[in-house]
């Protein structure tokens, strides 16, 4: 008979706001004692295997669906104006959208954008390479993904600053301060909606070789996407393809600057790019945790999770589980460890994973070739640990 989770004797875990290494140490300590831990808001899974199982259990719904309940202080009108996103949908509505849009997000579709990725990154490096030093977040990582997203959506390149600002503000929804951030989030979402709605109407009249045209043309058994759904998907693409990618690139560069032999090895052998992306995402991922809510009473491993129970999963902790990864605290870009969980798992696995992988691979190949001897040029400044999408805010480096 399943034991109610509240009755278990569990280790306590409170990593919210904790510095990275301390948070990982706390998860590792809890993992040695139990596969579950008690947190201030609910419970946390501590092992890789159970993280995957919880993420793949469809009765555990994304905690984004309960964002309103978790966002104390946010104005009611903020939620009244927000449409439901594919990122928080569940059940058949979510399955329908994923089914319709999946063909537009394949590795092959991402590969078609690799020449654009190369052109954008070469241009960014041209501006800094001869200097021998620079601040890589502002000069390389921040501006890199947005022109690629513009190309993907079919928006003019000169509108890239608009998309960058919208992405930054919309992503404030994950920074645990909705009471203060709600007005900026709402304004950015409204401006993006107006822009994309106009772009959709133009693409309906004159299709092009871009994502919006492909999504407009999508049809399965007579089912098509509405304009509202197209706008929502464009916002999801902007979110999945911008802030995550630029933060992960900065994380990877900060990490590799401290591992000069591996940086030089990548420059000598670009075939290591795929492994480098997977390993740096495993070792230092920009998305470190996610959460699920039990949509009904759920029995798992002889434990009963009552409906409404919040269960968080430490993706960063799972990526260091020694039962899955040999020498988990050692960075090895040639190890071939491709089962990292930073993109998540299950039905909410990152829709833009193929695009992000391609962007990171192309960027790291070019940067390792053109910025030899990459090394820190001062302390890395990190975003607050409460940020949902996390990474360096400043990354001073030197090379050559």
Protein backbone atom coordinates (compact mmCIF):
# COMPACT_ATOMS: atom_id res chain seq x y z
CA UNK A 1 0.00 0.00 0.00
CA UNK A 2 1.33 3.42 -0.97
CA UNK A 3 2.51 5.69 1.86
CA UNK A 4 1.38 9.34 1.67
CA UNK A 5 4.43 11.44 0.83
CA UNK A 6 3.79 13.75 3.79
CA UNK A 7 4.31 10.83 6.20
CA UNK A 8 7.78 9.92 4.93
CA UNK A 9 10.92 10.79 6.86
CA UNK A 10 12.86 12.70 4.22
CA UNK A 11 15.96 14.88 4.09
CA UNK A 12 15.28 18.61 3.91
CA UNK A 13 16.34 20.48 0.78
CA UNK A 14 16.18 24.25 0.28
CA UNK A 15 18.25 25.34 -2.72
CA UNK A 16 16.12 28.30 -3.80
CA UNK A 17 18.54 31.19 -4.10
CA UNK A 18 21.53 29.01 -3.19
CA UNK A 19 24.86 29.47 -4.94
CA UNK A 20 25.44 26.84 -7.66
CA UNK A 21 28.03 24.61 -6.02
CA UNK A 22 26.26 24.71 -2.67
CA UNK A 23 22.96 23.76 -4.32
CA UNK A 24 24.57 20.81 -6.11
CA UNK A 25 26.20 19.66 -2.87
CA UNK A 26 22.85 19.78 -1.07
CA UNK A 27 21.16 17.73 -3.81
CA UNK A 28 23.99 15.19 -3.76
CA UNK A 29 23.75 14.86 0.03
CA UNK A 30 19.98 14.38 -0.13
CA UNK A 31 20.37 11.83 -2.94
CA UNK A 32 22.60 9.66 -0.79
CA UNK A 33 19.83 9.46 1.80
CA UNK A 34 16.66 9.14 -0.31
CA UNK A 35 15.30 9.59 -3.84
CA UNK A 36 12.95 12.25 -2.43
CA UNK A 37 13.53 15.34 -0.30
CA UNK A 38 11.24 17.78 1.46
CA UNK A 39 11.31 21.43 0.28
CA UNK A 40 9.64 24.61 1.59
CA UNK A 41 7.01 24.38 -1.18
CA UNK A 42 6.60 20.63 -1.53
CA UNK A 43 8.97 17.83 -2.47
CA UNK A 44 11.99 17.33 -4.73
CA UNK A 45 13.25 14.35 -6.70
CA UNK A 46 16.98 13.79 -6.22
CA UNK A 47 17.96 11.06 -8.72
CA UNK A 48 18.35 10.97 -12.50
CA UNK A 49 16.08 7.95 -12.95
CA UNK A 50 13.25 9.42 -10.90
CA UNK A 51 13.63 12.82 -12.56
CA UNK A 52 13.05 11.19 -15.95
CA UNK A 53 10.09 9.19 -14.61
CA UNK A 54 8.38 12.23 -13.10
CA UNK A 55 8.90 14.31 -16.25
CA UNK A 56 7.45 11.51 -18.37
CA UNK A 57 4.46 10.88 -16.09
CA UNK A 58 1.64 12.76 -17.84
CA UNK A 59 -0.39 13.09 -14.66
CA UNK A 60 2.33 15.34 -13.30
CA UNK A 61 1.48 18.63 -15.02
CA UNK A 62 3.82 21.53 -15.70
CA UNK A 63 3.90 23.94 -12.76
CA UNK A 64 3.46 26.75 -15.29
CA UNK A 65 -0.21 25.73 -15.35
CA UNK A 66 -0.39 26.84 -11.71
CA UNK A 67 1.71 29.97 -12.13
CA UNK A 68 -1.10 32.19 -10.86
CA UNK A 69 -1.30 30.29 -7.58
CA UNK A 70 2.47 30.49 -7.13
CA UNK A 71 2.83 34.17 -8.08
CA UNK A 72 1.85 36.10 -4.99
CA UNK A 73 1.37 39.79 -5.66
CA UNK A 74 0.90 39.68 -9.43
CA UNK A 75 -2.13 41.72 -10.56
CA UNK A 76 -5.21 39.77 -11.67
CA UNK A 77 -5.40 41.64 -14.99
CA UNK A 78 -1.95 40.29 -15.89
CA UNK A 79 -3.33 36.74 -15.99
CA UNK A 80 -6.61 37.79 -17.59
CA UNK A 81 -4.73 39.11 -20.61
CA UNK A 82 -2.35 36.19 -21.06
CA UNK A 83 -3.27 33.39 -23.43
CA UNK A 84 -2.41 29.82 -22.55
CA UNK A 85 0.94 28.76 -23.96
CA UNK A 86 2.05 25.42 -25.39
CA UNK A 87 4.62 25.54 -22.57
CA UNK A 88 1.89 25.15 -19.96
CA UNK A 89 -0.81 23.20 -21.84
CA UNK A 90 -1.63 19.63 -20.90
CA UNK A 91 -3.64 16.71 -22.26
CA UNK A 92 -5.17 16.63 -25.74
CA UNK A 93 -4.83 20.40 -26.46
CA UNK A 94 -1.10 20.13 -25.82
CA UNK A 95 -0.77 16.86 -27.76
CA UNK A 96 -2.65 18.37 -30.73
CA UNK A 97 -0.35 21.38 -30.97
CA UNK A 98 2.83 19.33 -30.59
CA UNK A 99 1.57 16.96 -33.29
CA UNK A 100 0.82 19.79 -35.70
CA UNK A 101 4.04 21.75 -35.22
CA UNK A 102 6.56 18.92 -34.72
CA UNK A 103 7.51 18.73 -38.44
CA UNK A 104 8.66 22.36 -38.30
CA UNK A 105 11.10 21.71 -35.43
CA UNK A 106 13.12 18.73 -36.67
CA UNK A 107 16.93 18.58 -36.73
CA UNK A 108 16.72 18.86 -40.53
CA UNK A 109 14.79 22.13 -40.27
CA UNK A 110 17.38 23.48 -37.82
CA UNK A 111 20.22 22.40 -40.11
CA UNK A 112 18.87 24.64 -42.88
CA UNK A 113 19.62 27.62 -40.66
CA UNK A 114 23.27 26.68 -40.00
CA UNK A 115 24.61 29.03 -42.73
CA UNK A 116 22.74 31.90 -41.06
CA UNK A 117 24.14 30.90 -37.66
CA UNK A 118 27.65 30.86 -39.09
CA UNK A 119 27.22 34.26 -40.76
CA UNK A 120 25.88 35.88 -37.58
CA UNK A 121 28.60 34.45 -35.34
CA UNK A 122 31.43 35.29 -37.76
CA UNK A 123 30.18 38.87 -37.83
CA UNK A 124 30.11 39.10 -34.04
CA UNK A 125 33.62 37.65 -33.75
CA UNK A 126 34.93 40.01 -36.46
CA UNK A 127 34.10 42.90 -34.14
CA UNK A 128 36.13 41.58 -31.19
CA UNK A 129 38.78 39.10 -32.37
CA UNK A 130 41.61 41.55 -33.08
CA UNK A 131 41.23 43.25 -29.70
CA UNK A 132 42.37 40.15 -27.83
CA UNK A 133 39.92 40.73 -25.02
CA UNK A 134 36.24 41.53 -24.52
CA UNK A 135 33.07 41.03 -22.51
CA UNK A 136 31.52 38.01 -24.18
CA UNK A 137 27.97 38.20 -22.80
CA UNK A 138 27.17 41.64 -24.25
CA UNK A 139 29.34 41.36 -27.36
CA UNK A 140 28.73 37.76 -28.45
CA UNK A 141 26.18 35.74 -26.47
CA UNK A 142 23.35 38.27 -26.11
CA UNK A 143 23.12 39.33 -29.77
CA UNK A 144 23.73 35.89 -31.31
CA UNK A 145 20.37 34.02 -31.27
CA UNK A 146 18.01 36.86 -32.18
CA UNK A 147 18.95 37.27 -35.87
CA UNK A 148 18.59 33.49 -36.21
CA UNK A 149 15.06 33.68 -34.74
CA UNK A 150 14.24 36.56 -37.10
CA UNK A 151 15.34 34.39 -40.03
CA UNK A 152 13.36 31.46 -38.67
CA UNK A 153 10.16 33.49 -38.33
CA UNK A 154 10.68 35.45 -41.53
CA UNK A 155 11.12 38.83 -39.80
CA UNK A 156 13.56 41.45 -41.17
CA UNK A 157 17.04 41.36 -39.60
CA UNK A 158 16.80 45.03 -38.69
CA UNK A 159 14.00 44.11 -36.25
CA UNK A 160 16.34 41.94 -34.20
CA UNK A 161 16.66 44.55 -31.38
CA UNK A 162 12.87 44.48 -30.95
CA UNK A 163 12.85 40.69 -30.58
CA UNK A 164 15.79 40.79 -28.18
CA UNK A 165 14.04 43.29 -25.90
CA UNK A 166 10.75 41.36 -26.02
CA UNK A 167 12.48 38.09 -25.15
CA UNK A 168 14.31 39.66 -22.20
CA UNK A 169 11.11 41.12 -20.78
CA UNK A 170 8.86 38.11 -21.41
CA UNK A 171 11.38 35.85 -19.69
CA UNK A 172 10.99 37.89 -16.51
CA UNK A 173 8.02 35.61 -15.85
CA UNK A 174 10.54 33.06 -14.52
CA UNK A 175 12.41 35.46 -12.21
CA UNK A 176 10.12 34.99 -9.20
CA UNK A 177 9.14 38.66 -8.95
CA UNK A 178 5.90 38.90 -10.92
CA UNK A 179 4.51 41.63 -8.70
CA UNK A 180 7.22 43.96 -10.01
CA UNK A 181 7.75 42.48 -13.48
CA UNK A 182 4.13 41.96 -14.64
CA UNK A 183 3.76 45.35 -16.39
CA UNK A 184 6.93 44.89 -18.47
CA UNK A 185 6.01 41.29 -19.33
CA UNK A 186 2.51 42.32 -20.40
CA UNK A 187 3.76 45.24 -22.50
CA UNK A 188 6.35 43.09 -24.29
CA UNK A 189 3.81 40.32 -24.96
CA UNK A 190 1.30 42.83 -26.38
CA UNK A 191 3.90 44.40 -28.67
CA UNK A 192 5.05 40.97 -29.87
CA UNK A 193 1.45 39.91 -30.52
CA UNK A 194 0.77 43.01 -32.62
CA UNK A 195 3.97 42.51 -34.61
CA UNK A 196 3.44 38.78 -35.25
CA UNK A 197 -0.26 39.19 -36.10
CA UNK A 198 0.70 41.65 -38.84
CA UNK A 199 3.44 39.30 -40.07
CA UNK A 200 0.99 36.36 -40.16
CA UNK A 201 -1.46 38.32 -42.30
CA UNK A 202 1.32 39.19 -44.72
CA UNK A 203 2.40 35.54 -44.90
CA UNK A 204 -1.16 34.40 -45.55
CA UNK A 205 -1.19 36.68 -48.61
CA UNK A 206 2.37 35.96 -49.66
CA UNK A 207 3.96 32.75 -48.23
CA UNK A 208 7.74 32.57 -47.89
CA UNK A 209 10.36 30.00 -46.87
CA UNK A 210 10.03 30.53 -43.11
CA UNK A 211 8.49 29.00 -40.02
CA UNK A 212 5.32 31.09 -39.98
CA UNK A 213 4.52 30.18 -43.59
CA UNK A 214 5.13 26.50 -42.78
CA UNK A 215 2.86 26.67 -39.72
CA UNK A 216 0.14 28.48 -41.68
CA UNK A 217 0.25 25.66 -44.24
CA UNK A 218 0.12 22.92 -41.59
CA UNK A 219 -2.96 20.75 -41.82
CA UNK A 220 -3.78 17.32 -40.45
CA UNK A 221 -7.16 15.74 -41.17
CA UNK A 222 -8.62 19.20 -41.73
CA UNK A 223 -7.16 20.61 -38.50
CA UNK A 224 -5.35 23.94 -38.85
CA UNK A 225 -3.74 26.46 -36.52
CA UNK A 226 -5.70 29.62 -35.73
CA UNK A 227 -4.12 33.09 -35.81
CA UNK A 228 -4.16 33.14 -32.00
CA UNK A 229 -2.34 29.79 -31.90
CA UNK A 230 0.21 31.03 -34.43
CA UNK A 231 0.91 34.11 -32.31
CA UNK A 232 1.26 31.95 -29.19
CA UNK A 233 3.69 29.62 -30.99
CA UNK A 234 5.77 32.56 -32.21
CA UNK A 235 6.10 33.73 -28.61
CA UNK A 236 7.06 30.20 -27.53
CA UNK A 237 9.69 30.05 -30.30
CA UNK A 238 11.11 33.39 -29.20
CA UNK A 239 11.28 32.15 -25.61
CA UNK A 240 12.68 28.71 -26.48
CA UNK A 241 15.19 30.07 -28.97
CA UNK A 242 16.56 33.27 -27.45
CA UNK A 243 17.15 33.61 -23.72
CA UNK A 244 17.92 29.94 -23.21
CA UNK A 245 20.45 29.83 -26.05
CA UNK A 246 22.32 33.00 -25.15
CA UNK A 247 22.53 32.00 -21.48
CA UNK A 248 23.67 28.48 -22.33
CA UNK A 249 26.33 29.80 -24.71
CA UNK A 250 27.62 32.07 -21.94
CA UNK A 251 27.61 29.17 -19.47
CA UNK A 252 29.55 27.00 -21.92
CA UNK A 253 32.12 29.73 -22.62
CA UNK A 254 32.63 30.48 -18.92
CA UNK A 255 33.20 26.78 -18.32
CA UNK A 256 35.54 26.21 -21.27
CA UNK A 257 37.60 29.30 -20.44
CA UNK A 258 38.54 27.42 -17.28
CA UNK A 259 39.44 24.29 -19.31
CA UNK A 260 41.97 25.55 -21.88
CA UNK A 261 43.10 22.10 -23.03
CA UNK A 262 39.55 21.13 -23.96
CA UNK A 263 39.02 24.51 -25.69
CA UNK A 264 42.15 23.88 -27.78
CA UNK A 265 41.03 20.33 -28.51
CA UNK A 266 37.69 21.57 -29.87
CA UNK A 267 39.50 24.07 -32.12
CA UNK A 268 41.66 21.27 -33.51
CA UNK A 269 38.77 18.83 -33.95
CA UNK A 270 35.39 20.47 -34.79
CA UNK A 271 33.76 17.03 -34.81
CA UNK A 272 33.79 17.36 -31.01
CA UNK A 273 31.18 20.16 -31.23
CA UNK A 274 28.21 17.88 -30.58
CA UNK A 275 29.86 16.31 -27.56
CA UNK A 276 30.99 19.71 -26.29
CA UNK A 277 27.43 21.06 -26.35
CA UNK A 278 26.01 18.02 -24.56
CA UNK A 279 28.77 17.92 -21.95
CA UNK A 280 28.74 21.63 -21.14
CA UNK A 281 24.93 21.53 -20.86
CA UNK A 282 25.25 18.57 -18.52
CA UNK A 283 27.95 20.16 -16.39
CA UNK A 284 26.61 23.73 -16.35
CA UNK A 285 23.09 24.06 -17.73
CA UNK A 286 21.25 27.37 -18.09
CA UNK A 287 18.01 25.66 -17.03
CA UNK A 288 18.76 24.04 -13.69
CA UNK A 289 15.36 22.94 -12.42
CA UNK A 290 11.70 22.60 -13.26
CA UNK A 291 8.58 21.67 -11.34
CA UNK A 292 5.45 19.57 -11.73
CA UNK A 293 2.11 19.46 -9.93
CA UNK A 294 0.13 16.26 -9.34
CA UNK A 295 -3.08 16.69 -11.34
CA UNK A 296 -4.69 13.86 -9.35
CA UNK A 297 -3.66 11.41 -6.64
CA UNK A 298 -0.59 9.64 -8.07
CA UNK A 299 1.12 6.52 -6.75
CA UNK A 300 4.77 6.22 -7.72
CA UNK A 301 7.34 3.91 -6.15
CA UNK A 302 4.87 3.03 -3.39
CA UNK A 303 4.50 6.70 -2.49
CA UNK A 304 1.20 8.57 -2.77
CA UNK A 305 1.39 12.13 -4.09
CA UNK A 306 -2.00 13.76 -3.40
CA UNK A 307 -3.52 15.98 -6.08
CA UNK A 308 -1.96 19.44 -5.94
CA UNK A 309 1.42 18.27 -4.59
CA UNK A 310 4.31 20.32 -5.99
CA UNK A 311 7.25 18.14 -7.06
CA UNK A 312 10.41 19.87 -8.25
CA UNK A 313 13.22 18.20 -10.16
CA UNK A 314 16.81 19.38 -10.09
CA UNK A 315 17.98 18.98 -13.68
CA UNK A 316 21.43 20.16 -12.62
CA UNK A 317 21.50 17.57 -9.83
CA UNK A 318 20.29 14.77 -12.11
CA UNK A 319 23.03 15.69 -14.58
CA UNK A 320 25.59 14.93 -11.83
CA UNK A 321 24.06 11.63 -10.64
CA UNK A 322 27.01 9.18 -10.24
CA UNK A 323 24.74 6.20 -10.88
CA UNK A 324 24.38 7.43 -14.47
CA UNK A 325 27.54 9.41 -15.22
CA UNK A 326 31.08 8.23 -14.55
CA UNK A 327 33.12 10.97 -12.85
CA UNK A 328 30.11 13.31 -12.97
CA UNK A 329 32.05 16.27 -11.55
CA UNK A 330 34.66 16.11 -14.31
CA UNK A 331 34.19 17.95 -17.62
CA UNK A 332 35.09 15.80 -20.62
CA UNK A 333 33.92 17.00 -24.05
CA UNK A 334 35.00 13.72 -25.65
CA UNK A 335 33.08 11.48 -23.24
CA UNK A 336 30.08 11.13 -25.54
CA UNK A 337 27.57 11.73 -22.73
CA UNK A 338 24.44 12.68 -24.67
CA UNK A 339 21.78 11.89 -22.06
CA UNK A 340 21.86 15.23 -20.22
CA UNK A 341 18.50 16.53 -19.02
CA UNK A 342 18.84 20.31 -19.41
CA UNK A 343 16.29 20.19 -22.25
CA UNK A 344 13.91 18.27 -19.98
CA UNK A 345 12.12 15.05 -20.86
CA UNK A 346 8.66 13.77 -21.66
CA UNK A 347 5.89 15.70 -23.38
CA UNK A 348 7.34 19.08 -22.33
CA UNK A 349 10.82 18.32 -23.70
CA UNK A 350 12.12 21.58 -25.18
CA UNK A 351 10.43 22.21 -28.53
CA UNK A 352 13.43 24.17 -29.78
CA UNK A 353 16.09 21.64 -28.69
CA UNK A 354 17.30 20.88 -32.24
CA UNK A 355 17.61 24.59 -33.03
CA UNK A 356 19.47 25.32 -29.79
CA UNK A 357 21.86 22.41 -30.34
CA UNK A 358 22.67 23.61 -33.86
CA UNK A 359 23.20 27.20 -32.69
CA UNK A 360 25.51 26.16 -29.87
CA UNK A 361 27.50 23.78 -32.06
CA UNK A 362 28.10 26.37 -34.77
CA UNK A 363 28.98 29.08 -32.24
CA UNK A 364 31.48 27.00 -30.30
CA UNK A 365 33.26 25.75 -33.43
CA UNK A 366 33.76 29.31 -34.71
CA UNK A 367 34.68 30.76 -31.33
CA UNK A 368 37.21 28.02 -30.51
CA UNK A 369 38.89 28.58 -33.88
CA UNK A 370 38.94 32.36 -33.79
CA UNK A 371 39.51 33.00 -30.07
CA UNK A 372 42.49 30.72 -29.32
CA UNK A 373 43.76 30.58 -25.77
CA UNK A 374 40.44 31.73 -24.31
CA UNK A 375 40.90 32.55 -20.63
CA UNK A 376 39.14 34.55 -17.92
CA UNK A 377 40.06 38.25 -17.80
CA UNK A 378 38.51 38.97 -14.43
CA UNK A 379 35.78 37.38 -12.33
CA UNK A 380 32.62 36.12 -14.00
CA UNK A 381 29.50 37.89 -12.74
CA UNK A 382 26.48 35.58 -12.50
CA UNK A 383 22.79 36.36 -12.64
CA UNK A 384 20.90 35.90 -9.36
CA UNK A 385 20.35 32.21 -8.57
CA UNK A 386 16.60 32.85 -8.40
CA UNK A 387 16.49 33.42 -12.17
CA UNK A 388 14.72 30.61 -14.03
CA UNK A 389 16.98 30.94 -17.07
CA UNK A 390 20.41 31.53 -15.64
CA UNK A 391 23.98 32.26 -16.67
CA UNK A 392 26.72 34.90 -16.58
CA UNK A 393 25.68 38.55 -16.65
CA UNK A 394 29.28 39.53 -17.46
CA UNK A 395 32.01 37.31 -18.87
CA UNK A 396 35.31 39.21 -19.30
CA UNK A 397 37.78 37.15 -21.31
CA UNK A 398 41.05 37.38 -23.21
CA UNK A 399 42.49 35.31 -26.03
CA UNK A 400 45.26 35.13 -28.59
